[in-house]
Amino acid sequence: MKLVMDETPSPSIDAEDNHTIIRMSVREKPVEVITRGERRRVWTDAQKHDIVLESLEPGGSPIAVARRHGIGTGLLYTWRRQLVESQLKA
């Protein structure tokens, strides 16, 4: 018994068309936006100083310190820079 393949040529699809077809056929999940009702926190200079010193301890991780205190790493690095600049001026 011999299998006979259909001899009709398949339409050729360019790589660019294939990418577009695939990309358009995939639906993205809806984005959920969460807004916070909380206000900005106010940090005293003493709190900032303590957090910065904690982040500078040997073997410590600035990222872990930032997470522990609920602040962003960018804010922590800004405080670190400000502390160094203020010590250089003094």
N, C-alpha and C. Protein backbone atom coordinates (compact mmCIF):
# COMPACT_ATOMS: atom_id res chain seq x y z
N MET A 1 0.85 -1.17 0.00
CA MET A 1 0.00 0.00 0.00
C MET A 1 0.89 1.23 0.00
N LYS A 2 0.56 2.15 -0.87
CA LYS A 2 1.37 3.33 -1.04
C LYS A 2 0.54 4.56 -0.69
N LEU A 3 1.10 5.43 0.16
CA LEU A 3 0.42 6.67 0.51
C LEU A 3 0.71 7.71 -0.53
N VAL A 4 -0.32 8.38 -0.94
CA VAL A 4 -0.15 9.43 -1.94
C VAL A 4 -0.35 10.77 -1.25
N MET A 5 0.65 11.62 -1.33
CA MET A 5 0.58 12.95 -0.73
C MET A 5 -0.18 13.88 -1.67
N ASP A 6 -0.88 14.79 -1.11
CA ASP A 6 -1.58 15.79 -1.90
C ASP A 6 -0.54 16.66 -2.59
N GLU A 7 -0.64 16.79 -3.85
CA GLU A 7 0.36 17.50 -4.63
C GLU A 7 0.07 18.99 -4.75
N THR A 8 -0.94 19.51 -4.05
CA THR A 8 -1.22 20.94 -4.17
C THR A 8 -0.15 21.71 -3.43
N PRO A 9 0.41 22.69 -4.10
CA PRO A 9 1.49 23.46 -3.46
C PRO A 9 0.93 24.30 -2.31
N SER A 10 1.69 24.34 -1.24
CA SER A 10 1.27 25.16 -0.10
C SER A 10 1.68 26.60 -0.38
N PRO A 11 0.87 27.56 0.04
CA PRO A 11 1.22 28.95 -0.23
C PRO A 11 2.47 29.31 0.54
N SER A 12 3.37 30.00 -0.15
CA SER A 12 4.61 30.38 0.53
C SER A 12 4.35 31.63 1.37
N ILE A 13 4.86 31.59 2.56
CA ILE A 13 4.69 32.72 3.48
C ILE A 13 6.07 33.27 3.78
N ASP A 14 6.22 34.56 3.55
CA ASP A 14 7.49 35.20 3.88
C ASP A 14 7.68 35.20 5.39
N ALA A 15 8.92 35.28 5.78
CA ALA A 15 9.22 35.29 7.22
C ALA A 15 8.58 36.49 7.89
N GLU A 16 8.56 37.63 7.20
CA GLU A 16 7.97 38.84 7.77
C GLU A 16 6.46 38.67 7.96
N ASP A 17 5.80 38.08 6.98
CA ASP A 17 4.36 37.86 7.08
C ASP A 17 4.06 36.87 8.20
N ASN A 18 4.87 35.83 8.30
CA ASN A 18 4.67 34.82 9.33
C ASN A 18 4.78 35.46 10.71
N HIS A 19 5.77 36.32 10.92
CA HIS A 19 5.95 37.01 12.20
C HIS A 19 4.73 37.86 12.53
N THR A 20 4.22 38.57 11.54
CA THR A 20 3.06 39.43 11.75
C THR A 20 1.82 38.61 12.08
N ILE A 21 1.64 37.52 11.37
CA ILE A 21 0.48 36.68 11.61
C ILE A 21 0.53 36.12 13.02
N ILE A 22 1.68 35.63 13.42
CA ILE A 22 1.80 35.04 14.75
C ILE A 22 1.61 36.11 15.82
N ARG A 23 2.22 37.26 15.63
CA ARG A 23 2.14 38.31 16.64
C ARG A 23 0.72 38.81 16.80
N MET A 24 0.00 38.93 15.72
CA MET A 24 -1.35 39.48 15.80
C MET A 24 -2.34 38.45 16.34
N SER A 25 -2.00 37.18 16.23
CA SER A 25 -2.95 36.17 16.67
C SER A 25 -2.86 35.91 18.17
N VAL A 26 -1.83 36.42 18.81
CA VAL A 26 -1.66 36.19 20.24
C VAL A 26 -2.26 37.37 21.00
N ARG A 27 -3.17 37.06 21.88
CA ARG A 27 -3.78 38.12 22.69
C ARG A 27 -3.04 38.22 24.01
N GLU A 28 -2.74 39.44 24.39
CA GLU A 28 -2.06 39.64 25.65
C GLU A 28 -3.08 39.66 26.78
N LYS A 29 -2.62 39.29 27.96
CA LYS A 29 -3.49 39.31 29.12
C LYS A 29 -3.76 40.76 29.50
N PRO A 30 -4.93 41.04 30.03
CA PRO A 30 -5.21 42.42 30.44
C PRO A 30 -4.29 42.85 31.58
N VAL A 31 -3.97 44.11 31.60
CA VAL A 31 -3.09 44.66 32.62
C VAL A 31 -3.94 45.18 33.77
N GLU A 32 -3.59 44.80 34.98
CA GLU A 32 -4.30 45.27 36.16
C GLU A 32 -3.49 46.38 36.80
N VAL A 33 -4.11 47.53 36.98
CA VAL A 33 -3.45 48.67 37.59
C VAL A 33 -3.89 48.78 39.03
N ILE A 34 -2.92 48.77 39.92
CA ILE A 34 -3.22 48.87 41.34
C ILE A 34 -2.76 50.23 41.83
N THR A 35 -3.69 50.97 42.37
CA THR A 35 -3.32 52.28 42.90
C THR A 35 -3.31 52.21 44.41
N ARG A 36 -2.40 52.93 44.99
CA ARG A 36 -2.29 52.93 46.44
C ARG A 36 -2.95 54.18 47.00
N GLY A 37 -3.58 54.02 48.11
CA GLY A 37 -4.20 55.15 48.77
C GLY A 37 -3.30 55.75 49.84
N GLU A 38 -2.10 55.18 49.97
CA GLU A 38 -1.24 55.66 51.03
C GLU A 38 -0.46 56.91 50.60
N ARG A 39 -0.09 57.68 51.58
CA ARG A 39 0.66 58.90 51.30
C ARG A 39 2.15 58.60 51.29
N ARG A 40 2.89 59.55 50.79
CA ARG A 40 4.33 59.41 50.81
C ARG A 40 4.82 59.42 52.24
N ARG A 41 5.78 58.58 52.50
CA ARG A 41 6.36 58.55 53.85
C ARG A 41 7.38 59.65 53.99
N VAL A 42 7.52 60.13 55.18
CA VAL A 42 8.53 61.15 55.47
C VAL A 42 9.59 60.49 56.35
N TRP A 43 10.82 60.52 55.88
CA TRP A 43 11.92 59.90 56.60
C TRP A 43 12.72 61.00 57.29
N THR A 44 13.02 60.81 58.55
CA THR A 44 13.86 61.78 59.26
C THR A 44 15.30 61.56 58.82
N ASP A 45 16.13 62.57 59.07
CA ASP A 45 17.54 62.44 58.72
C ASP A 45 18.19 61.30 59.48
N ALA A 46 17.78 61.10 60.72
CA ALA A 46 18.34 60.00 61.53
C ALA A 46 17.97 58.64 60.93
N GLN A 47 16.73 58.49 60.47
CA GLN A 47 16.31 57.23 59.86
C GLN A 47 17.09 56.98 58.57
N LYS A 48 17.23 58.02 57.75
CA LYS A 48 17.98 57.89 56.50
C LYS A 48 19.41 57.47 56.81
N HIS A 49 20.01 58.11 57.79
CA HIS A 49 21.39 57.83 58.17
C HIS A 49 21.55 56.37 58.61
N ASP A 50 20.63 55.90 59.44
CA ASP A 50 20.69 54.51 59.92
C ASP A 50 20.53 53.51 58.78
N ILE A 51 19.61 53.79 57.86
CA ILE A 51 19.38 52.88 56.73
C ILE A 51 20.60 52.86 55.82
N VAL A 52 21.19 54.03 55.58
CA VAL A 52 22.38 54.10 54.72
C VAL A 52 23.53 53.34 55.37
N LEU A 53 23.75 53.54 56.67
CA LEU A 53 24.83 52.83 57.35
C LEU A 53 24.62 51.32 57.31
N GLU A 54 23.36 50.91 57.45
CA GLU A 54 23.04 49.48 57.36
C GLU A 54 23.39 48.93 55.98
N SER A 55 23.15 49.73 54.94
CA SER A 55 23.43 49.27 53.58
C SER A 55 24.92 49.24 53.28
N LEU A 56 25.72 49.95 54.06
CA LEU A 56 27.16 50.01 53.83
C LEU A 56 27.94 48.98 54.64
N GLU A 57 27.26 48.20 55.47
CA GLU A 57 27.95 47.19 56.28
C GLU A 57 28.60 46.16 55.37
N PRO A 58 29.80 45.69 55.76
CA PRO A 58 30.47 44.68 54.94
C PRO A 58 29.64 43.39 54.86
N GLY A 59 29.58 42.85 53.68
CA GLY A 59 28.84 41.61 53.48
C GLY A 59 27.34 41.83 53.35
N GLY A 60 26.89 43.07 53.50
CA GLY A 60 25.47 43.36 53.39
C GLY A 60 25.06 43.59 51.96
N SER A 61 23.78 43.59 51.74
CA SER A 61 23.25 43.81 50.40
C SER A 61 22.35 45.05 50.42
N PRO A 62 22.70 46.09 49.66
CA PRO A 62 21.85 47.27 49.62
C PRO A 62 20.42 46.95 49.16
N ILE A 63 20.29 46.00 48.26
CA ILE A 63 18.97 45.63 47.77
C ILE A 63 18.13 45.02 48.89
N ALA A 64 18.76 44.16 49.69
CA ALA A 64 18.05 43.54 50.81
C ALA A 64 17.65 44.58 51.84
N VAL A 65 18.53 45.55 52.09
CA VAL A 65 18.22 46.62 53.05
C VAL A 65 17.05 47.45 52.54
N ALA A 66 17.06 47.78 51.26
CA ALA A 66 15.98 48.57 50.68
C ALA A 66 14.65 47.82 50.79
N ARG A 67 14.66 46.54 50.50
CA ARG A 67 13.43 45.75 50.60
C ARG A 67 12.94 45.66 52.04
N ARG A 68 13.87 45.48 52.97
CA ARG A 68 13.51 45.36 54.37
C ARG A 68 12.82 46.63 54.89
N HIS A 69 13.23 47.78 54.37
CA HIS A 69 12.66 49.05 54.82
C HIS A 69 11.54 49.56 53.90
N GLY A 70 11.27 48.83 52.83
CA GLY A 70 10.18 49.18 51.94
C GLY A 70 10.46 50.42 51.09
N ILE A 71 11.71 50.59 50.69
CA ILE A 71 12.07 51.72 49.83
C ILE A 71 12.68 51.18 48.55
N GLY A 72 12.74 52.02 47.56
CA GLY A 72 13.35 51.64 46.30
C GLY A 72 14.86 51.75 46.38
N THR A 73 15.54 50.97 45.56
CA THR A 73 17.00 51.02 45.57
C THR A 73 17.51 52.37 45.07
N GLY A 74 16.78 52.99 44.17
CA GLY A 74 17.19 54.30 43.68
C GLY A 74 17.19 55.33 44.80
N LEU A 75 16.18 55.27 45.66
CA LEU A 75 16.12 56.19 46.79
C LEU A 75 17.28 55.92 47.75
N LEU A 76 17.58 54.66 48.00
CA LEU A 76 18.68 54.32 48.90
C LEU A 76 20.01 54.84 48.34
N TYR A 77 20.24 54.65 47.05
CA TYR A 77 21.49 55.13 46.46
C TYR A 77 21.54 56.66 46.46
N THR A 78 20.41 57.32 46.32
CA THR A 78 20.37 58.78 46.42
C THR A 78 20.77 59.21 47.82
N TRP A 79 20.24 58.56 48.84
CA TRP A 79 20.60 58.89 50.22
C TRP A 79 22.07 58.63 50.47
N ARG A 80 22.59 57.56 49.91
CA ARG A 80 24.02 57.25 50.09
C ARG A 80 24.88 58.34 49.47
N ARG A 81 24.51 58.76 48.27
CA ARG A 81 25.27 59.82 47.60
C ARG A 81 25.20 61.12 48.40
N GLN A 82 24.01 61.44 48.91
CA GLN A 82 23.85 62.67 49.70
C GLN A 82 24.68 62.59 50.98
N LEU A 83 24.76 61.44 51.61
CA LEU A 83 25.55 61.29 52.83
C LEU A 83 27.03 61.49 52.53
N VAL A 84 27.52 60.89 51.44
CA VAL A 84 28.92 61.04 51.08
C VAL A 84 29.24 62.49 50.75
N GLU A 85 28.36 63.16 49.99
CA GLU A 85 28.59 64.56 49.63
C GLU A 85 28.59 65.46 50.86
N SER A 86 27.69 65.19 51.80
CA SER A 86 27.63 66.02 53.00
C SER A 86 28.87 65.80 53.86
N GLN A 87 29.41 64.57 53.88
CA GLN A 87 30.63 64.31 54.65
C GLN A 87 31.84 64.94 53.98
N LEU A 88 31.85 65.00 52.67
CA LEU A 88 32.97 65.63 51.98
C LEU A 88 32.97 67.14 52.20
N LYS A 89 31.80 67.75 52.28
CA LYS A 89 31.69 69.19 52.52
C LYS A 89 32.10 69.56 53.95
N ALA A 90 31.85 68.64 54.88
CA ALA A 90 32.11 68.94 56.30
C ALA A 90 33.55 68.82 56.66
